[in-house]
Amino acid sequence: MNSSAQAAQQDRIESGADLLRRAVAGDRDALASIVDAHHSDMLRVSFVVCGDRETAREAVQSAWLRAATRLGSIHDHARLRAWLCSVAANEARMALRRRRPTLPIEALDGHPAEARALSVDLIDLAIALNGLTPADRELLALRYVAGFSSPELADHARMTPAGVRSRLKRLLDRLRKELDR
């Protein structure tokens, strides 16, 4: 990495740390910037976990309320995204406990871009995902939607990175088997 790239990366690190520090201190603009940066990731993760657009929105709203009061517990701003997505996934799981979701593909109704992409394969995938537990859908969402690494997932799931990889492999094998029927 050349010196200008290193300087730019250092600026991003410092600005991220400063943004988090300001948000913890009560700066609403800093909190709004954090929301802007992470809201869509949290929404996607929540949707995969619960399979319902409205439930996912409610879960993310609850996650932001919880996160806003606990931002001070994050000492390394580089972990902020992973922590926020984990909070959203947990809120989505809790929302599922409060009500039973409909089949995930129903959440696509009324959205032209998503509806155009709806196919038999997507319906099959939605049915296969619906057959998994919320915890399994959460693990898949955090890995393949939010892009968590094995160590990040291991922290979240309180497992070893090797254990996470093994569990993901079993889940993917199960989904492949279900989709091959």
C-alpha atoms as a PDB file:
ATOM      1  CA  MET A   1       0.000   0.000   0.000  1.00  0.00           C
ATOM      2  CA  ASN A   2       1.446   3.380  -0.958  1.00  0.00           C
ATOM      3  CA  SER A   3       1.740   6.278   1.466  1.00  0.00           C
ATOM      4  CA  SER A   4      -1.324   8.156   0.132  1.00  0.00           C
ATOM      5  CA  ALA A   5      -3.486   5.025   0.482  1.00  0.00           C
ATOM      6  CA  GLN A   6      -2.151   4.493   3.998  1.00  0.00           C
ATOM      7  CA  ALA A   7      -2.900   8.117   4.862  1.00  0.00           C
ATOM      8  CA  ALA A   8      -6.451   7.805   3.504  1.00  0.00           C
ATOM      9  CA  GLN A   9      -6.999   4.612   5.471  1.00  0.00           C
ATOM     10  CA  GLN A  10      -5.672   6.278   8.631  1.00  0.00           C
ATOM     11  CA  ASP A  11      -8.048   9.231   8.060  1.00  0.00           C
ATOM     12  CA  ARG A  12     -11.005   6.812   7.764  1.00  0.00           C
ATOM     13  CA  ILE A  13      -9.953   5.047  10.959  1.00  0.00           C
ATOM     14  CA  GLU A  14      -9.619   8.340  12.822  1.00  0.00           C
ATOM     15  CA  SER A  15     -12.893   9.700  11.442  1.00  0.00           C
ATOM     16  CA  GLY A  16     -14.722   6.478  12.384  1.00  0.00           C
ATOM     17  CA  ALA A  17     -13.341   6.597  15.885  1.00  0.00           C
ATOM     18  CA  ASP A  18     -14.179  10.296  16.156  1.00  0.00           C
ATOM     19  CA  LEU A  19     -17.714   9.706  14.857  1.00  0.00           C
ATOM     20  CA  LEU A  20     -18.318   6.985  17.441  1.00  0.00           C
ATOM     21  CA  ARG A  21     -16.829   9.120  20.218  1.00  0.00           C
ATOM     22  CA  ARG A  22     -19.047  12.064  19.254  1.00  0.00           C
ATOM     23  CA  ALA A  23     -22.164   9.855  19.070  1.00  0.00           C
ATOM     24  CA  VAL A  24     -21.438   8.441  22.521  1.00  0.00           C
ATOM     25  CA  ALA A  25     -21.078  12.016  23.798  1.00  0.00           C
ATOM     26  CA  GLY A  26     -24.592  12.803  22.525  1.00  0.00           C
ATOM     27  CA  ASP A  27     -23.870  14.388  19.136  1.00  0.00           C
ATOM     28  CA  ARG A  28     -27.065  13.741  17.143  1.00  0.00           C
ATOM     29  CA  ASP A  29     -25.381  14.428  13.804  1.00  0.00           C
ATOM     30  CA  ALA A  30     -22.741  11.809  14.538  1.00  0.00           C
ATOM     31  CA  LEU A  31     -25.442   9.300  15.509  1.00  0.00           C
ATOM     32  CA  ALA A  32     -27.351  10.147  12.318  1.00  0.00           C
ATOM     33  CA  SER A  33     -24.188   9.462  10.297  1.00  0.00           C
ATOM     34  CA  ILE A  34     -23.810   6.073  11.991  1.00  0.00           C
ATOM     35  CA  VAL A  35     -27.463   5.277  11.258  1.00  0.00           C
ATOM     36  CA  ASP A  36     -27.008   6.287   7.605  1.00  0.00           C
ATOM     37  CA  ALA A  37     -23.935   4.088   7.302  1.00  0.00           C
ATOM     38  CA  HIS A  38     -25.359   0.929   8.900  1.00  0.00           C
ATOM     39  CA  HIS A  39     -29.160   0.942   8.681  1.00  0.00           C
ATOM     40  CA  SER A  40     -29.475  -0.909   5.377  1.00  0.00           C
ATOM     41  CA  ASP A  41     -27.105  -3.696   6.486  1.00  0.00           C
ATOM     42  CA  MET A  42     -29.095  -4.122   9.678  1.00  0.00           C
ATOM     43  CA  LEU A  43     -32.359  -4.216   7.741  1.00  0.00           C
ATOM     44  CA  ARG A  44     -31.093  -6.884   5.323  1.00  0.00           C
ATOM     45  CA  VAL A  45     -29.824  -9.069   8.171  1.00  0.00           C
ATOM     46  CA  SER A  46     -33.103  -8.691  10.060  1.00  0.00           C
ATOM     47  CA  PHE A  47     -35.121  -9.541   6.958  1.00  0.00           C
ATOM     48  CA  VAL A  48     -33.206 -12.766   6.401  1.00  0.00           C
ATOM     49  CA  VAL A  49     -33.646 -13.733  10.054  1.00  0.00           C
ATOM     50  CA  CYS A  50     -37.382 -13.047  10.270  1.00  0.00           C
ATOM     51  CA  GLY A  51     -38.539 -13.236   6.642  1.00  0.00           C
ATOM     52  CA  ASP A  52     -41.007 -10.387   6.923  1.00  0.00           C
ATOM     53  CA  ARG A  53     -40.432  -6.792   5.828  1.00  0.00           C
ATOM     54  CA  GLU A  54     -42.510  -5.135   8.566  1.00  0.00           C
ATOM     55  CA  THR A  55     -41.091  -7.330  11.322  1.00  0.00           C
ATOM     56  CA  ALA A  56     -37.577  -6.569  10.051  1.00  0.00           C
ATOM     57  CA  ARG A  57     -38.284  -2.816  10.160  1.00  0.00           C
ATOM     58  CA  GLU A  58     -39.612  -3.079  13.703  1.00  0.00           C
ATOM     59  CA  ALA A  59     -36.606  -5.169  14.743  1.00  0.00           C
ATOM     60  CA  VAL A  60     -34.164  -2.612  13.341  1.00  0.00           C
ATOM     61  CA  GLN A  61     -36.019   0.221  15.030  1.00  0.00           C
ATOM     62  CA  SER A  62     -35.760  -1.649  18.339  1.00  0.00           C
ATOM     63  CA  ALA A  63     -32.113  -2.373  17.591  1.00  0.00           C
ATOM     64  CA  TRP A  64     -31.377   1.331  17.100  1.00  0.00           C
ATOM     65  CA  LEU A  65     -33.068   2.181  20.399  1.00  0.00           C
ATOM     66  CA  ARG A  66     -30.994  -0.463  22.164  1.00  0.00           C
ATOM     67  CA  ALA A  67     -27.793   0.494  20.323  1.00  0.00           C
ATOM     68  CA  ALA A  68     -28.139   4.226  20.979  1.00  0.00           C
ATOM     69  CA  THR A  69     -28.049   3.614  24.713  1.00  0.00           C
ATOM     70  CA  ARG A  70     -25.149   1.165  24.521  1.00  0.00           C
ATOM     71  CA  LEU A  71     -22.794   2.723  21.969  1.00  0.00           C
ATOM     72  CA  GLY A  72     -20.399   3.488  24.786  1.00  0.00           C
ATOM     73  CA  SER A  73     -19.743  -0.237  25.194  1.00  0.00           C
ATOM     74  CA  ILE A  74     -17.994  -0.284  21.806  1.00  0.00           C
ATOM     75  CA  HIS A  75     -14.351   0.546  22.380  1.00  0.00           C
ATOM     76  CA  ASP A  76     -13.129  -0.324  18.896  1.00  0.00           C
ATOM     77  CA  HIS A  77     -15.063   1.479  16.162  1.00  0.00           C
ATOM     78  CA  ALA A  78     -13.975  -1.212  13.687  1.00  0.00           C
ATOM     79  CA  ARG A  79     -16.342  -3.597  15.500  1.00  0.00           C
ATOM     80  CA  LEU A  80     -19.316  -1.208  15.297  1.00  0.00           C
ATOM     81  CA  ARG A  81     -20.857  -2.665  12.116  1.00  0.00           C
ATOM     82  CA  ALA A  82     -20.597  -6.228  13.380  1.00  0.00           C
ATOM     83  CA  TRP A  83     -22.066  -5.235  16.731  1.00  0.00           C
ATOM     84  CA  LEU A  84     -24.977  -3.321  15.162  1.00  0.00           C
ATOM     85  CA  CYS A  85     -25.836  -6.194  12.809  1.00  0.00           C
ATOM     86  CA  SER A  86     -25.730  -8.599  15.759  1.00  0.00           C
ATOM     87  CA  VAL A  87     -28.082  -6.379  17.757  1.00  0.00           C
ATOM     88  CA  ALA A  88     -30.456  -6.228  14.771  1.00  0.00           C
ATOM     89  CA  ALA A  89     -30.333 -10.016  14.318  1.00  0.00           C
ATOM     90  CA  ASN A  90     -31.092 -10.531  18.006  1.00  0.00           C
ATOM     91  CA  GLU A  91     -34.011  -8.114  17.837  1.00  0.00           C
ATOM     92  CA  ALA A  92     -35.354  -9.926  14.760  1.00  0.00           C
ATOM     93  CA  ARG A  93     -35.194 -13.250  16.608  1.00  0.00           C
ATOM     94  CA  MET A  94     -37.025 -11.740  19.568  1.00  0.00           C
ATOM     95  CA  ALA A  95     -39.668 -10.325  17.213  1.00  0.00           C
ATOM     96  CA  LEU A  96     -40.174 -13.821  15.813  1.00  0.00           C
ATOM     97  CA  ARG A  97     -40.836 -15.119  19.289  1.00  0.00           C
ATOM     98  CA  ARG A  98     -43.569 -12.526  19.685  1.00  0.00           C
ATOM     99  CA  ARG A  99     -45.290 -13.445  16.418  1.00  0.00           C
ATOM    100  CA  ARG A 100     -45.037 -16.086  13.763  1.00  0.00           C
ATOM    101  CA  PRO A 101     -43.797 -14.797  10.399  1.00  0.00           C
ATOM    102  CA  THR A 102     -45.354 -15.477   7.051  1.00  0.00           C
ATOM    103  CA  LEU A 103     -43.386 -17.141   4.299  1.00  0.00           C
ATOM    104  CA  PRO A 104     -40.416 -14.860   3.460  1.00  0.00           C
ATOM    105  CA  ILE A 105     -41.364 -14.334  -0.197  1.00  0.00           C
ATOM    106  CA  GLU A 106     -44.563 -12.558   0.823  1.00  0.00           C
ATOM    107  CA  ALA A 107     -42.422  -9.655   1.994  1.00  0.00           C
ATOM    108  CA  LEU A 108     -41.538  -8.985  -1.652  1.00  0.00           C
ATOM    109  CA  ASP A 109     -45.131  -8.100  -2.619  1.00  0.00           C
ATOM    110  CA  GLY A 110     -45.548  -4.643  -4.049  1.00  0.00           C
ATOM    111  CA  HIS A 111     -41.890  -4.028  -4.824  1.00  0.00           C
ATOM    112  CA  PRO A 112     -41.423  -4.040  -8.575  1.00  0.00           C
ATOM    113  CA  ALA A 113     -37.642  -4.530  -8.756  1.00  0.00           C
ATOM    114  CA  GLU A 114     -37.740  -7.402  -6.302  1.00  0.00           C
ATOM    115  CA  ALA A 115     -40.934  -8.837  -7.770  1.00  0.00           C
ATOM    116  CA  ARG A 116     -39.368  -8.935 -11.266  1.00  0.00           C
ATOM    117  CA  ALA A 117     -36.517 -11.013  -9.851  1.00  0.00           C
ATOM    118  CA  LEU A 118     -38.925 -13.417  -8.157  1.00  0.00           C
ATOM    119  CA  SER A 119     -38.629 -16.835  -9.754  1.00  0.00           C
ATOM    120  CA  VAL A 120     -39.195 -20.454  -8.965  1.00  0.00           C
ATOM    121  CA  ASP A 121     -35.640 -20.650  -7.625  1.00  0.00           C
ATOM    122  CA  LEU A 122     -36.282 -17.760  -5.243  1.00  0.00           C
ATOM    123  CA  ILE A 123     -39.511 -19.332  -4.060  1.00  0.00           C
ATOM    124  CA  ASP A 124     -37.668 -22.609  -3.459  1.00  0.00           C
ATOM    125  CA  LEU A 125     -34.935 -20.774  -1.555  1.00  0.00           C
ATOM    126  CA  ALA A 126     -37.496 -18.920   0.559  1.00  0.00           C
ATOM    127  CA  ILE A 127     -39.191 -22.197   1.447  1.00  0.00           C
ATOM    128  CA  ALA A 128     -35.841 -23.823   2.264  1.00  0.00           C
ATOM    129  CA  LEU A 129     -34.801 -20.852   4.442  1.00  0.00           C
ATOM    130  CA  ASN A 130     -38.167 -20.919   6.167  1.00  0.00           C
ATOM    131  CA  GLY A 131     -37.375 -24.511   7.206  1.00  0.00           C
ATOM    132  CA  LEU A 132     -34.303 -23.357   9.149  1.00  0.00           C
ATOM    133  CA  THR A 133     -34.383 -22.101  12.698  1.00  0.00           C
ATOM    134  CA  PRO A 134     -34.133 -18.335  13.241  1.00  0.00           C
ATOM    135  CA  ALA A 135     -30.660 -18.866  14.746  1.00  0.00           C
ATOM    136  CA  ASP A 136     -29.524 -20.687  11.585  1.00  0.00           C
ATOM    137  CA  ARG A 137     -30.997 -17.967   9.345  1.00  0.00           C
ATOM    138  CA  GLU A 138     -29.251 -15.390  11.537  1.00  0.00           C
ATOM    139  CA  LEU A 139     -25.887 -17.094  11.072  1.00  0.00           C
ATOM    140  CA  LEU A 140     -26.394 -17.250   7.289  1.00  0.00           C
ATOM    141  CA  ALA A 141     -27.510 -13.612   7.181  1.00  0.00           C
ATOM    142  CA  LEU A 142     -24.565 -12.368   9.190  1.00  0.00           C
ATOM    143  CA  ARG A 143     -22.137 -14.280   6.960  1.00  0.00           C
ATOM    144  CA  TYR A 144     -23.630 -13.848   3.494  1.00  0.00           C
ATOM    145  CA  VAL A 145     -25.684 -10.652   3.801  1.00  0.00           C
ATOM    146  CA  ALA A 146     -23.602  -8.617   6.264  1.00  0.00           C
ATOM    147  CA  GLY A 147     -20.298 -10.227   5.281  1.00  0.00           C
ATOM    148  CA  PHE A 148     -19.101 -11.171   8.768  1.00  0.00           C
ATOM    149  CA  SER A 149     -15.802 -13.047   8.878  1.00  0.00           C
ATOM    150  CA  SER A 150     -15.432 -16.368  10.710  1.00  0.00           C
ATOM    151  CA  PRO A 151     -13.818 -14.654  13.744  1.00  0.00           C
ATOM    152  CA  GLU A 152     -16.632 -12.064  13.875  1.00  0.00           C
ATOM    153  CA  LEU A 153     -19.247 -14.815  13.659  1.00  0.00           C
ATOM    154  CA  ALA A 154     -17.390 -16.812  16.300  1.00  0.00           C
ATOM    155  CA  ASP A 155     -17.558 -13.812  18.660  1.00  0.00           C
ATOM    156  CA  HIS A 156     -21.259 -13.397  18.000  1.00  0.00           C
ATOM    157  CA  ALA A 157     -22.175 -17.089  18.269  1.00  0.00           C
ATOM    158  CA  ARG A 158     -19.738 -17.811  21.094  1.00  0.00           C
ATOM    159  CA  MET A 159     -18.084 -20.537  19.045  1.00  0.00           C
ATOM    160  CA  THR A 160     -14.660 -21.079  17.574  1.00  0.00           C
ATOM    161  CA  PRO A 161     -14.051 -19.861  14.008  1.00  0.00           C
ATOM    162  CA  ALA A 162     -13.648 -23.512  12.948  1.00  0.00           C
ATOM    163  CA  GLY A 163     -16.957 -24.360  14.618  1.00  0.00           C
ATOM    164  CA  VAL A 164     -18.664 -21.515  12.759  1.00  0.00           C
ATOM    165  CA  ARG A 165     -17.244 -22.678   9.423  1.00  0.00           C
ATOM    166  CA  SER A 166     -18.388 -26.225  10.145  1.00  0.00           C
ATOM    167  CA  ARG A 167     -21.897 -25.090  11.078  1.00  0.00           C
ATOM    168  CA  LEU A 168     -22.129 -22.912   7.963  1.00  0.00           C
ATOM    169  CA  LYS A 169     -21.012 -25.836   5.799  1.00  0.00           C
ATOM    170  CA  ARG A 170     -23.707 -28.060   7.313  1.00  0.00           C
ATOM    171  CA  LEU A 171     -26.332 -25.356   6.756  1.00  0.00           C
ATOM    172  CA  LEU A 172     -25.275 -24.824   3.145  1.00  0.00           C
ATOM    173  CA  ASP A 173     -25.243 -28.565   2.514  1.00  0.00           C
ATOM    174  CA  ARG A 174     -28.755 -28.780   3.967  1.00  0.00           C
ATOM    175  CA  LEU A 175     -29.973 -25.916   1.761  1.00  0.00           C
ATOM    176  CA  ARG A 176     -28.356 -27.439  -1.347  1.00  0.00           C
ATOM    177  CA  LYS A 177     -29.995 -30.785  -0.615  1.00  0.00           C
ATOM    178  CA  GLU A 178     -33.366 -29.096  -0.117  1.00  0.00           C
ATOM    179  CA  LEU A 179     -33.001 -27.094  -3.335  1.00  0.00           C
ATOM    180  CA  ASP A 180     -31.951 -30.144  -5.364  1.00  0.00           C
ATOM    181  CA  ARG A 181     -35.261 -31.935  -4.687  1.00  0.00           C
END
